[in-house]
Amino acid sequence: VSKVPDPTPEPPPTSYHRLTVTDCNALACERSTAARAILAVADKPDAKHGRGADDADAKVRQLASVHLAREARNRTAAAALELYYKLLEAELLADALTASQTRVDALIAASETLAKSGYKEAAELQQLRRQQLDLRADRARLTAGIRRLNTELKSLIGLDGSPCRVLPADRIDVVPD
């Protein structure tokens, strides 16, 4: 494996929307399109009987609509929270990947400097270059995944028109078992 030029990095987003898990849940419930659709249908007059034709039936339909809308909100919130935690994991992994890539790049640069100074090229240099390629490929896949997770999450919480990237803002504590 020969030296591989570093691809042009993706420019960082111009802005972030900091989002906590509590805000994610609340926004998903509040902006659930399925719940809105259910309630919109429930508010339409009953064409078969006319509005108020049978108050008992209307109350049952209204109550059922409220419960269906609540279920839709819960499902939307669950989907949003699942995406939120996947995005949080991906962002943490991106940080670790960046640190690994920086270390490997530094090791390769040091090995090349030594080789230019007349020292024998280290046998591990080819392995480091393969690792560098793997890290760059992982980074490209991870970046695409973060972009997809952002798009999906923003659509569930009502930020789909926003150019900013969602940044999970909850603190993660890692404790040993």
C-alpha atoms as a PDB file:
ATOM      1  CA  VAL A   1       0.000   0.000   0.000  1.00  0.00           C
ATOM      2  CA  SER A   2       1.496   3.292  -1.014  1.00  0.00           C
ATOM      3  CA  LYS A   3       0.919   6.678   0.526  1.00  0.00           C
ATOM      4  CA  VAL A   4      -2.695   7.733   0.179  1.00  0.00           C
ATOM      5  CA  PRO A   5      -3.569  11.414  -0.018  1.00  0.00           C
ATOM      6  CA  ASP A   6      -6.047  12.592   2.575  1.00  0.00           C
ATOM      7  CA  PRO A   7      -9.398  13.208   0.860  1.00  0.00           C
ATOM      8  CA  THR A   8     -10.850  16.675   1.116  1.00  0.00           C
ATOM      9  CA  PRO A   9     -12.650  16.665   4.450  1.00  0.00           C
ATOM     10  CA  GLU A  10     -16.307  17.537   4.582  1.00  0.00           C
ATOM     11  CA  PRO A  11     -16.733  21.097   5.821  1.00  0.00           C
ATOM     12  CA  PRO A  12     -18.140  21.276   9.331  1.00  0.00           C
ATOM     13  CA  PRO A  13     -21.774  22.299   9.617  1.00  0.00           C
ATOM     14  CA  THR A  14     -22.292  26.011  10.014  1.00  0.00           C
ATOM     15  CA  SER A  15     -24.492  25.544  13.040  1.00  0.00           C
ATOM     16  CA  TYR A  16     -25.734  22.959  15.475  1.00  0.00           C
ATOM     17  CA  HIS A  17     -29.046  22.525  17.207  1.00  0.00           C
ATOM     18  CA  ARG A  18     -28.232  21.290  20.726  1.00  0.00           C
ATOM     19  CA  LEU A  19     -30.849  18.743  21.724  1.00  0.00           C
ATOM     20  CA  THR A  20     -31.348  16.984  25.043  1.00  0.00           C
ATOM     21  CA  VAL A  21     -33.174  13.699  25.373  1.00  0.00           C
ATOM     22  CA  THR A  22     -36.006  15.511  27.206  1.00  0.00           C
ATOM     23  CA  ASP A  23     -36.360  18.065  24.401  1.00  0.00           C
ATOM     24  CA  CYS A  24     -36.222  15.304  21.791  1.00  0.00           C
ATOM     25  CA  ASN A  25     -39.085  13.470  23.470  1.00  0.00           C
ATOM     26  CA  ALA A  26     -41.179  16.622  23.913  1.00  0.00           C
ATOM     27  CA  LEU A  27     -40.652  17.870  20.346  1.00  0.00           C
ATOM     28  CA  ALA A  28     -41.442  14.468  18.844  1.00  0.00           C
ATOM     29  CA  CYS A  29     -44.694  14.252  20.829  1.00  0.00           C
ATOM     30  CA  GLU A  30     -45.662  17.824  20.061  1.00  0.00           C
ATOM     31  CA  ARG A  31     -44.914  17.638  16.338  1.00  0.00           C
ATOM     32  CA  SER A  32     -46.129  14.117  15.558  1.00  0.00           C
ATOM     33  CA  THR A  33     -47.625  14.279  12.071  1.00  0.00           C
ATOM     34  CA  ALA A  34     -49.529  11.027  12.618  1.00  0.00           C
ATOM     35  CA  ALA A  35     -51.205  12.396  15.755  1.00  0.00           C
ATOM     36  CA  ARG A  36     -52.113  15.610  13.957  1.00  0.00           C
ATOM     37  CA  ALA A  37     -53.615  13.652  11.072  1.00  0.00           C
ATOM     38  CA  ILE A  38     -55.701  11.499  13.422  1.00  0.00           C
ATOM     39  CA  LEU A  39     -57.049  14.535  15.263  1.00  0.00           C
ATOM     40  CA  ALA A  40     -57.722  16.379  12.004  1.00  0.00           C
ATOM     41  CA  VAL A  41     -59.863  13.501  10.752  1.00  0.00           C
ATOM     42  CA  ALA A  42     -61.656  13.308  14.094  1.00  0.00           C
ATOM     43  CA  ASP A  43     -62.543  17.004  13.903  1.00  0.00           C
ATOM     44  CA  LYS A  44     -64.248  16.633  10.515  1.00  0.00           C
ATOM     45  CA  PRO A  45     -68.049  16.390  10.559  1.00  0.00           C
ATOM     46  CA  ASP A  46     -69.433  12.884  10.258  1.00  0.00           C
ATOM     47  CA  ALA A  47     -70.799  12.770   6.684  1.00  0.00           C
ATOM     48  CA  LYS A  48     -72.944   9.722   7.401  1.00  0.00           C
ATOM     49  CA  HIS A  49     -74.843  11.142  10.366  1.00  0.00           C
ATOM     50  CA  GLY A  50     -74.042  14.844  10.360  1.00  0.00           C
ATOM     51  CA  ARG A  51     -72.327  16.640  13.212  1.00  0.00           C
ATOM     52  CA  GLY A  52     -73.918  15.835  16.524  1.00  0.00           C
ATOM     53  CA  ALA A  53     -76.356  13.277  15.074  1.00  0.00           C
ATOM     54  CA  ASP A  54     -75.658  10.966  17.965  1.00  0.00           C
ATOM     55  CA  ASP A  55     -73.770  12.542  20.845  1.00  0.00           C
ATOM     56  CA  ALA A  56     -72.796   9.180  22.352  1.00  0.00           C
ATOM     57  CA  ASP A  57     -71.257   7.955  19.085  1.00  0.00           C
ATOM     58  CA  ALA A  58     -69.482  11.266  18.599  1.00  0.00           C
ATOM     59  CA  LYS A  59     -68.033  11.116  22.107  1.00  0.00           C
ATOM     60  CA  VAL A  60     -66.798   7.567  21.562  1.00  0.00           C
ATOM     61  CA  ARG A  61     -65.214   8.547  18.223  1.00  0.00           C
ATOM     62  CA  GLN A  62     -63.603  11.590  19.824  1.00  0.00           C
ATOM     63  CA  LEU A  63     -62.282   9.582  22.767  1.00  0.00           C
ATOM     64  CA  ALA A  64     -60.917   6.899  20.421  1.00  0.00           C
ATOM     65  CA  SER A  65     -59.235   9.598  18.339  1.00  0.00           C
ATOM     66  CA  VAL A  66     -57.599  11.099  21.412  1.00  0.00           C
ATOM     67  CA  HIS A  67     -56.232   7.693  22.427  1.00  0.00           C
ATOM     68  CA  LEU A  68     -55.045   6.915  18.890  1.00  0.00           C
ATOM     69  CA  ALA A  69     -53.338  10.311  18.710  1.00  0.00           C
ATOM     70  CA  ARG A  70     -51.652   9.674  22.072  1.00  0.00           C
ATOM     71  CA  GLU A  71     -50.420   6.297  20.799  1.00  0.00           C
ATOM     72  CA  ALA A  72     -49.116   7.951  17.620  1.00  0.00           C
ATOM     73  CA  ARG A  73     -47.260  10.536  19.713  1.00  0.00           C
ATOM     74  CA  ASN A  74     -45.704   7.782  21.825  1.00  0.00           C
ATOM     75  CA  ARG A  75     -44.589   5.878  18.734  1.00  0.00           C
ATOM     76  CA  THR A  76     -43.121   9.025  17.193  1.00  0.00           C
ATOM     77  CA  ALA A  77     -41.289   9.813  20.434  1.00  0.00           C
ATOM     78  CA  ALA A  78     -39.950   6.256  20.659  1.00  0.00           C
ATOM     79  CA  ALA A  79     -38.648   6.429  17.086  1.00  0.00           C
ATOM     80  CA  ALA A  80     -37.087   9.846  17.732  1.00  0.00           C
ATOM     81  CA  LEU A  81     -35.397   8.672  20.930  1.00  0.00           C
ATOM     82  CA  GLU A  82     -33.991   5.613  19.191  1.00  0.00           C
ATOM     83  CA  LEU A  83     -32.522   7.865  16.483  1.00  0.00           C
ATOM     84  CA  TYR A  84     -31.259  10.281  19.156  1.00  0.00           C
ATOM     85  CA  TYR A  85     -29.280   7.576  20.950  1.00  0.00           C
ATOM     86  CA  LYS A  86     -27.936   6.173  17.671  1.00  0.00           C
ATOM     87  CA  LEU A  87     -26.823   9.692  16.725  1.00  0.00           C
ATOM     88  CA  LEU A  88     -25.226  10.188  20.137  1.00  0.00           C
ATOM     89  CA  GLU A  89     -23.320   6.925  19.726  1.00  0.00           C
ATOM     90  CA  ALA A  90     -22.231   7.882  16.208  1.00  0.00           C
ATOM     91  CA  GLU A  91     -20.997  11.309  17.342  1.00  0.00           C
ATOM     92  CA  LEU A  92     -18.974   9.716  20.169  1.00  0.00           C
ATOM     93  CA  LEU A  93     -17.569   7.176  17.739  1.00  0.00           C
ATOM     94  CA  ALA A  94     -16.620  10.010  15.360  1.00  0.00           C
ATOM     95  CA  ASP A  95     -14.573  11.610  18.128  1.00  0.00           C
ATOM     96  CA  ALA A  96     -12.769   8.332  18.852  1.00  0.00           C
ATOM     97  CA  LEU A  97     -12.207   7.752  15.148  1.00  0.00           C
ATOM     98  CA  THR A  98     -10.717  11.226  14.740  1.00  0.00           C
ATOM     99  CA  ALA A  99      -8.318  10.580  17.616  1.00  0.00           C
ATOM    100  CA  SER A 100      -7.255   7.244  16.113  1.00  0.00           C
ATOM    101  CA  GLN A 101      -6.803   8.755  12.683  1.00  0.00           C
ATOM    102  CA  THR A 102      -4.664  11.562  14.128  1.00  0.00           C
ATOM    103  CA  ARG A 103      -2.421   9.048  15.904  1.00  0.00           C
ATOM    104  CA  VAL A 104      -1.993   6.846  12.836  1.00  0.00           C
ATOM    105  CA  ASP A 105      -1.259   9.865  10.623  1.00  0.00           C
ATOM    106  CA  ALA A 106       1.388  11.033  13.117  1.00  0.00           C
ATOM    107  CA  LEU A 107       3.003   7.583  13.219  1.00  0.00           C
ATOM    108  CA  ILE A 108       3.148   7.442   9.428  1.00  0.00           C
ATOM    109  CA  ALA A 109       4.615  10.955   9.230  1.00  0.00           C
ATOM    110  CA  ALA A 110       7.271  10.050  11.837  1.00  0.00           C
ATOM    111  CA  SER A 111       8.151   6.832   9.973  1.00  0.00           C
ATOM    112  CA  GLU A 112       8.455   8.694   6.687  1.00  0.00           C
ATOM    113  CA  THR A 113      10.643  11.366   8.298  1.00  0.00           C
ATOM    114  CA  LEU A 114      12.946   8.672   9.653  1.00  0.00           C
ATOM    115  CA  ALA A 115      13.080   6.977   6.248  1.00  0.00           C
ATOM    116  CA  LYS A 116      14.019  10.291   4.598  1.00  0.00           C
ATOM    117  CA  SER A 117      16.799  10.697   7.164  1.00  0.00           C
ATOM    118  CA  GLY A 118      18.346   7.470   5.960  1.00  0.00           C
ATOM    119  CA  TYR A 119      16.861   4.971   8.387  1.00  0.00           C
ATOM    120  CA  LYS A 120      15.380   1.758   7.076  1.00  0.00           C
ATOM    121  CA  GLU A 121      11.634   1.991   6.513  1.00  0.00           C
ATOM    122  CA  ALA A 122       9.776   0.255   9.310  1.00  0.00           C
ATOM    123  CA  ALA A 123       8.076  -2.994   8.344  1.00  0.00           C
ATOM    124  CA  GLU A 124       4.934  -1.799  10.096  1.00  0.00           C
ATOM    125  CA  LEU A 125       4.616   1.219   7.808  1.00  0.00           C
ATOM    126  CA  GLN A 126       2.584  -0.725   5.233  1.00  0.00           C
ATOM    127  CA  GLN A 127       0.311  -1.990   7.988  1.00  0.00           C
ATOM    128  CA  LEU A 128      -0.123   1.583   9.268  1.00  0.00           C
ATOM    129  CA  ARG A 129      -1.022   2.756   5.760  1.00  0.00           C
ATOM    130  CA  ARG A 130      -3.655   0.012   5.469  1.00  0.00           C
ATOM    131  CA  GLN A 131      -4.981   1.048   8.854  1.00  0.00           C
ATOM    132  CA  GLN A 132      -5.051   4.656   7.645  1.00  0.00           C
ATOM    133  CA  LEU A 133      -7.146   3.597   4.633  1.00  0.00           C
ATOM    134  CA  ASP A 134      -9.499   1.623   6.855  1.00  0.00           C
ATOM    135  CA  LEU A 135      -9.920   4.576   9.205  1.00  0.00           C
ATOM    136  CA  ARG A 136     -10.720   6.917   6.312  1.00  0.00           C
ATOM    137  CA  ALA A 137     -13.256   4.457   4.933  1.00  0.00           C
ATOM    138  CA  ASP A 138     -14.809   4.101   8.389  1.00  0.00           C
ATOM    139  CA  ARG A 139     -14.936   7.880   8.664  1.00  0.00           C
ATOM    140  CA  ALA A 140     -16.735   8.195   5.314  1.00  0.00           C
ATOM    141  CA  ARG A 141     -19.319   5.577   6.320  1.00  0.00           C
ATOM    142  CA  LEU A 142     -19.790   7.167   9.726  1.00  0.00           C
ATOM    143  CA  THR A 143     -20.221  10.646   8.243  1.00  0.00           C
ATOM    144  CA  ALA A 144     -22.888   9.328   5.864  1.00  0.00           C
ATOM    145  CA  GLY A 145     -24.608   7.574   8.772  1.00  0.00           C
ATOM    146  CA  ILE A 146     -24.582  10.732  10.907  1.00  0.00           C
ATOM    147  CA  ARG A 147     -26.062  12.687   8.007  1.00  0.00           C
ATOM    148  CA  ARG A 148     -28.839  10.081   7.574  1.00  0.00           C
ATOM    149  CA  LEU A 149     -29.599   9.970  11.313  1.00  0.00           C
ATOM    150  CA  ASN A 150     -29.768  13.776  11.401  1.00  0.00           C
ATOM    151  CA  THR A 151     -32.200  13.869   8.484  1.00  0.00           C
ATOM    152  CA  GLU A 152     -34.483  11.240  10.002  1.00  0.00           C
ATOM    153  CA  LEU A 153     -34.404  12.729  13.504  1.00  0.00           C
ATOM    154  CA  LYS A 154     -35.013  16.277  12.300  1.00  0.00           C
ATOM    155  CA  SER A 155     -38.102  15.109  10.390  1.00  0.00           C
ATOM    156  CA  LEU A 156     -39.561  13.552  13.556  1.00  0.00           C
ATOM    157  CA  ILE A 157     -38.938  16.587  15.771  1.00  0.00           C
ATOM    158  CA  GLY A 158     -40.054  19.201  13.263  1.00  0.00           C
ATOM    159  CA  LEU A 159     -36.657  20.589  12.255  1.00  0.00           C
ATOM    160  CA  ASP A 160     -36.623  19.098   8.758  1.00  0.00           C
ATOM    161  CA  GLY A 161     -36.348  22.524   7.097  1.00  0.00           C
ATOM    162  CA  SER A 162     -33.371  23.529   9.212  1.00  0.00           C
ATOM    163  CA  PRO A 163     -29.868  23.413   7.688  1.00  0.00           C
ATOM    164  CA  CYS A 164     -28.265  22.883  11.100  1.00  0.00           C
ATOM    165  CA  ARG A 165     -27.072  19.544  12.411  1.00  0.00           C
ATOM    166  CA  VAL A 166     -28.548  18.029  15.563  1.00  0.00           C
ATOM    167  CA  LEU A 167     -26.032  17.685  18.362  1.00  0.00           C
ATOM    168  CA  PRO A 168     -27.054  15.404  21.246  1.00  0.00           C
ATOM    169  CA  ALA A 169     -26.360  17.437  24.367  1.00  0.00           C
ATOM    170  CA  ASP A 170     -26.750  14.885  27.129  1.00  0.00           C
ATOM    171  CA  ARG A 171     -23.759  13.963  29.216  1.00  0.00           C
ATOM    172  CA  ILE A 172     -22.699  10.331  29.035  1.00  0.00           C
ATOM    173  CA  ASP A 173     -20.971   8.765  32.006  1.00  0.00           C
ATOM    174  CA  VAL A 174     -19.136   5.501  31.482  1.00  0.00           C
ATOM    175  CA  VAL A 175     -18.804   3.412  34.598  1.00  0.00           C
ATOM    176  CA  PRO A 176     -17.106   0.031  34.930  1.00  0.00           C
ATOM    177  CA  ASP A 177     -19.254  -3.011  35.677  1.00  0.00           C
END
